C-alpha atoms as a PDB file:
ATOM      1  CA  MET A   1       6.814 -14.058  19.444  1.00  0.00           C
ATOM      2  CA  ALA A   2       3.095 -14.064  19.479  1.00  0.00           C
ATOM      3  CA  ILE A   3      -0.258 -11.734  18.550  1.00  0.00           C
ATOM      4  CA  SER A   4      -2.408 -11.414  21.285  1.00  0.00           C
ATOM      5  CA  ALA A   5      -5.911 -11.836  20.719  1.00  0.00           C
ATOM      6  CA  THR A   6      -6.836  -8.476  21.558  1.00  0.00           C
ATOM      7  CA  ARG A   7      -4.477  -7.352  18.337  1.00  0.00           C
ATOM      8  CA  ILE A   8      -6.319 -10.388  16.439  1.00  0.00           C
ATOM      9  CA  LYS A   9      -9.700  -9.071  17.179  1.00  0.00           C
ATOM     10  CA  GLN A  10      -8.732  -5.618  16.252  1.00  0.00           C
ATOM     11  CA  MET A  11      -7.252  -6.805  12.878  1.00  0.00           C
ATOM     12  CA  GLN A  12     -10.182  -8.804  12.293  1.00  0.00           C
ATOM     13  CA  ARG A  13     -12.570  -5.596  12.749  1.00  0.00           C
ATOM     14  CA  GLU A  14     -10.137  -3.741  10.415  1.00  0.00           C
ATOM     15  CA  ILE A  15     -10.730  -6.397   8.021  1.00  0.00           C
ATOM     16  CA  LYS A  16     -14.324  -6.337   7.964  1.00  0.00           C
ATOM     17  CA  ASN A  17     -14.206  -2.827   7.811  1.00  0.00           C
ATOM     18  CA  LEU A  18     -11.962  -2.835   4.865  1.00  0.00           C
ATOM     19  CA  LYS A  19     -14.264  -5.700   2.821  1.00  0.00           C
ATOM     20  CA  ALA A  20     -17.368  -3.245   3.724  1.00  0.00           C
ATOM     21  CA  GLU A  21     -15.209  -0.130   1.928  1.00  0.00           C
ATOM     22  CA  ASN A  22     -14.290  -2.262  -0.957  1.00  0.00           C
ATOM     23  CA  ALA A  23     -17.365  -3.225  -1.469  1.00  0.00           C
ATOM     24  CA  ARG A  24     -18.973   0.357  -1.305  1.00  0.00           C
ATOM     25  CA  LEU A  25     -16.412   1.236  -3.653  1.00  0.00           C
ATOM     26  CA  LYS A  26     -16.568  -1.431  -6.135  1.00  0.00           C
ATOM     27  CA  LYS A  27     -20.770  -0.371  -6.182  1.00  0.00           C
ATOM     28  CA  LYS A  28     -19.619   2.927  -6.825  1.00  0.00           C
ATOM     29  CA  THR A  29     -17.314   2.164  -9.857  1.00  0.00           C
ATOM     30  CA  ARG A  30     -19.841   0.131 -11.323  1.00  0.00           C
ATOM     31  CA  ALA A  31     -22.674   2.972 -10.915  1.00  0.00           C
ATOM     32  CA  ASN A  32     -20.018   5.283 -12.811  1.00  0.00           C
ATOM     33  CA  GLY A  33     -19.670   2.743 -15.895  1.00  0.00           C
ATOM     34  CA  GLY A  34     -16.603   0.485 -14.561  1.00  0.00           C
ATOM     35  CA  LYS A  35     -14.438   3.992 -13.824  1.00  0.00           C
ATOM     36  CA  PRO A  36     -12.649   4.224 -10.733  1.00  0.00           C
ATOM     37  CA  ALA A  37     -14.497   7.027  -8.266  1.00  0.00           C
ATOM     38  CA  PRO A  38     -12.445   9.860  -7.549  1.00  0.00           C
ATOM     39  CA  ARG A  39     -10.297   9.275  -4.454  1.00  0.00           C
ATOM     40  CA  THR A  40     -11.659  10.801  -1.297  1.00  0.00           C
ATOM     41  CA  LEU A  41     -11.113   7.876   1.376  1.00  0.00           C
ATOM     42  CA  SER A  42      -8.932   8.479   4.008  1.00  0.00           C
ATOM     43  CA  LEU A  43      -8.570   5.331   6.061  1.00  0.00           C
ATOM     44  CA  PRO A  44      -6.876   5.463   9.739  1.00  0.00           C
ATOM     45  CA  ARG A  45      -3.258   4.041   9.594  1.00  0.00           C
ATOM     46  CA  ALA A  46      -3.194   0.488  11.896  1.00  0.00           C
ATOM     47  CA  ARG A  47      -1.573   0.675  14.983  1.00  0.00           C
ATOM     48  CA  ILE A  48       1.318  -1.876  14.919  1.00  0.00           C
ATOM     49  CA  SER A  49       4.096  -2.087  17.940  1.00  0.00           C
ATOM     50  CA  ALA A  50       7.722  -2.322  16.619  1.00  0.00           C
ATOM     51  CA  ASP A  51       7.852  -6.162  17.586  1.00  0.00           C
ATOM     52  CA  GLU A  52       4.757  -6.498  14.957  1.00  0.00           C
ATOM     53  CA  ASN A  53       6.575  -4.652  12.359  1.00  0.00           C
ATOM     54  CA  GLU A  54      10.260  -6.230  13.004  1.00  0.00           C
ATOM     55  CA  LEU A  55       8.410  -9.748  12.475  1.00  0.00           C
ATOM     56  CA  ALA A  56       6.661  -8.528   9.557  1.00  0.00           C
ATOM     57  CA  ASP A  57       9.672  -7.256   8.079  1.00  0.00           C
ATOM     58  CA  GLU A  58      11.310 -11.074   8.946  1.00  0.00           C
ATOM     59  CA  ILE A  59       8.597 -12.877   7.102  1.00  0.00           C
ATOM     60  CA  LEU A  60       9.035 -10.754   3.847  1.00  0.00           C
ATOM     61  CA  ARG A  61      12.879 -10.951   3.973  1.00  0.00           C
ATOM     62  CA  ARG A  62      12.657 -14.635   3.953  1.00  0.00           C
ATOM     63  CA  ALA A  63       9.846 -14.750   1.496  1.00  0.00           C
ATOM     64  CA  GLY A  64      12.724 -12.552  -0.763  1.00  0.00           C
ATOM     65  CA  LEU A  65      10.073  -9.804  -0.490  1.00  0.00           C
ATOM     66  CA  LEU A  66      11.868  -7.215   1.393  1.00  0.00           C
ATOM     67  CA  GLY A  67      15.751  -6.574   0.920  1.00  0.00           C
ATOM     68  CA  GLU A  68      18.133  -3.770   1.411  1.00  0.00           C
ATOM     69  CA  LEU A  69      18.116  -0.854  -0.328  1.00  0.00           C
ATOM     70  CA  THR A  70      20.768  -0.377  -3.303  1.00  0.00           C
ATOM     71  CA  PRO A  71      22.699   2.953  -2.972  1.00  0.00           C
ATOM     72  CA  GLU A  72      20.642   4.155  -6.199  1.00  0.00           C
ATOM     73  CA  GLU A  73      17.119   3.424  -4.254  1.00  0.00           C
ATOM     74  CA  LYS A  74      18.981   5.062  -1.203  1.00  0.00           C
ATOM     75  CA  LYS A  75      19.650   8.558  -3.430  1.00  0.00           C
ATOM     76  CA  MET A  76      16.422   8.455  -4.963  1.00  0.00           C
ATOM     77  CA  ALA A  77      14.666   8.341  -1.915  1.00  0.00           C
ATOM     78  CA  ALA A  78      16.456  11.195  -0.342  1.00  0.00           C
ATOM     79  CA  GLU A  79      15.631  13.353  -3.584  1.00  0.00           C
ATOM     80  CA  TRP A  80      11.845  12.429  -2.775  1.00  0.00           C
ATOM     81  CA  ARG A  81      12.264  13.359   0.542  1.00  0.00           C
ATOM     82  CA  ALA A  82      13.611  16.785  -0.425  1.00  0.00           C
ATOM     83  CA  LEU A  83      10.802  17.744  -2.774  1.00  0.00           C
ATOM     84  CA  PRO A  84       8.241  19.916  -1.745  1.00  0.00           C
ATOM     85  CA  ALA A  85       5.032  18.448  -0.317  1.00  0.00           C
ATOM     86  CA  GLU A  86       3.105  20.329  -3.078  1.00  0.00           C
ATOM     87  CA  ARG A  87       4.796  18.427  -5.970  1.00  0.00           C
ATOM     88  CA  LYS A  88       4.801  14.976  -4.006  1.00  0.00           C
ATOM     89  CA  GLN A  89       1.097  15.498  -3.857  1.00  0.00           C
ATOM     90  CA  GLU A  90       1.085  16.342  -7.698  1.00  0.00           C
ATOM     91  CA  VAL A  91       3.103  13.108  -8.352  1.00  0.00           C
ATOM     92  CA  VAL A  92       0.740  11.060  -6.442  1.00  0.00           C
ATOM     93  CA  ARG A  93      -2.123  12.477  -8.150  1.00  0.00           C
ATOM     94  CA  VAL A  94      -0.280  11.357 -11.739  1.00  0.00           C
ATOM     95  CA  LEU A  95       0.067   7.979  -9.992  1.00  0.00           C
ATOM     96  CA  GLU A  96      -3.287   7.544  -9.318  1.00  0.00           C
ATOM     97  CA  THR A  97      -5.003   8.092 -12.430  1.00  0.00           C
ATOM     98  CA  THR A  98      -2.213   6.223 -14.104  1.00  0.00           C
ATOM     99  CA  HIS A  99      -3.314   2.851 -15.826  1.00  0.00           C
ATOM    100  CA  PHE A 100      -0.558   0.574 -16.533  1.00  0.00           C
ATOM    101  CA  ASN A 101      -0.934  -2.240 -19.489  1.00  0.00           C
ATOM    102  CA  PRO A 102      -0.023  -4.729 -18.048  1.00  0.00           C
ATOM    103  CA  PRO A 103      -0.840  -3.684 -14.659  1.00  0.00           C
ATOM    104  CA  LEU A 104       2.077  -2.529 -12.579  1.00  0.00           C
ATOM    105  CA  SER A 105       1.501  -5.826 -10.721  1.00  0.00           C
ATOM    106  CA  GLU A 106       2.473  -8.318 -13.813  1.00  0.00           C
ATOM    107  CA  LEU A 107       5.919  -5.940 -14.503  1.00  0.00           C
ATOM    108  CA  ILE A 108       7.048  -6.172 -10.904  1.00  0.00           C
ATOM    109  CA  ILE A 109       6.691  -9.796 -11.168  1.00  0.00           C
ATOM    110  CA  GLN A 110       7.744 -10.529 -14.510  1.00  0.00           C
ATOM    111  CA  ASN A 111      10.810  -8.256 -13.317  1.00  0.00           C
ATOM    112  CA  ARG A 112      11.868 -10.405 -10.462  1.00  0.00           C
ATOM    113  CA  GLY A 113      13.067 -13.158 -11.983  1.00  0.00           C
END
């Protein structure tokens, strides 16, 4: 399946906007003494067709980055969905202000092996 030229141009515009926003946030962080600015950014979700989602899922699956959830993961997901919105927001706020050492991305890479 191919991605249309219109979709590619839309994605390029979105990337350009995200890069501009990233530069603005970096500047704001530098002005704040290197501390991240409070999160106030709300970006619109990209409009992606079901076919594009399926293609992305297949690419990630082949790369070993996407797999089926284990029964335990499904249970945890159901527990999360059952939480009240207020509690979910509280958890998200804590995660947004938590700094991991080593960074979470490094931990994930280490645990893949």
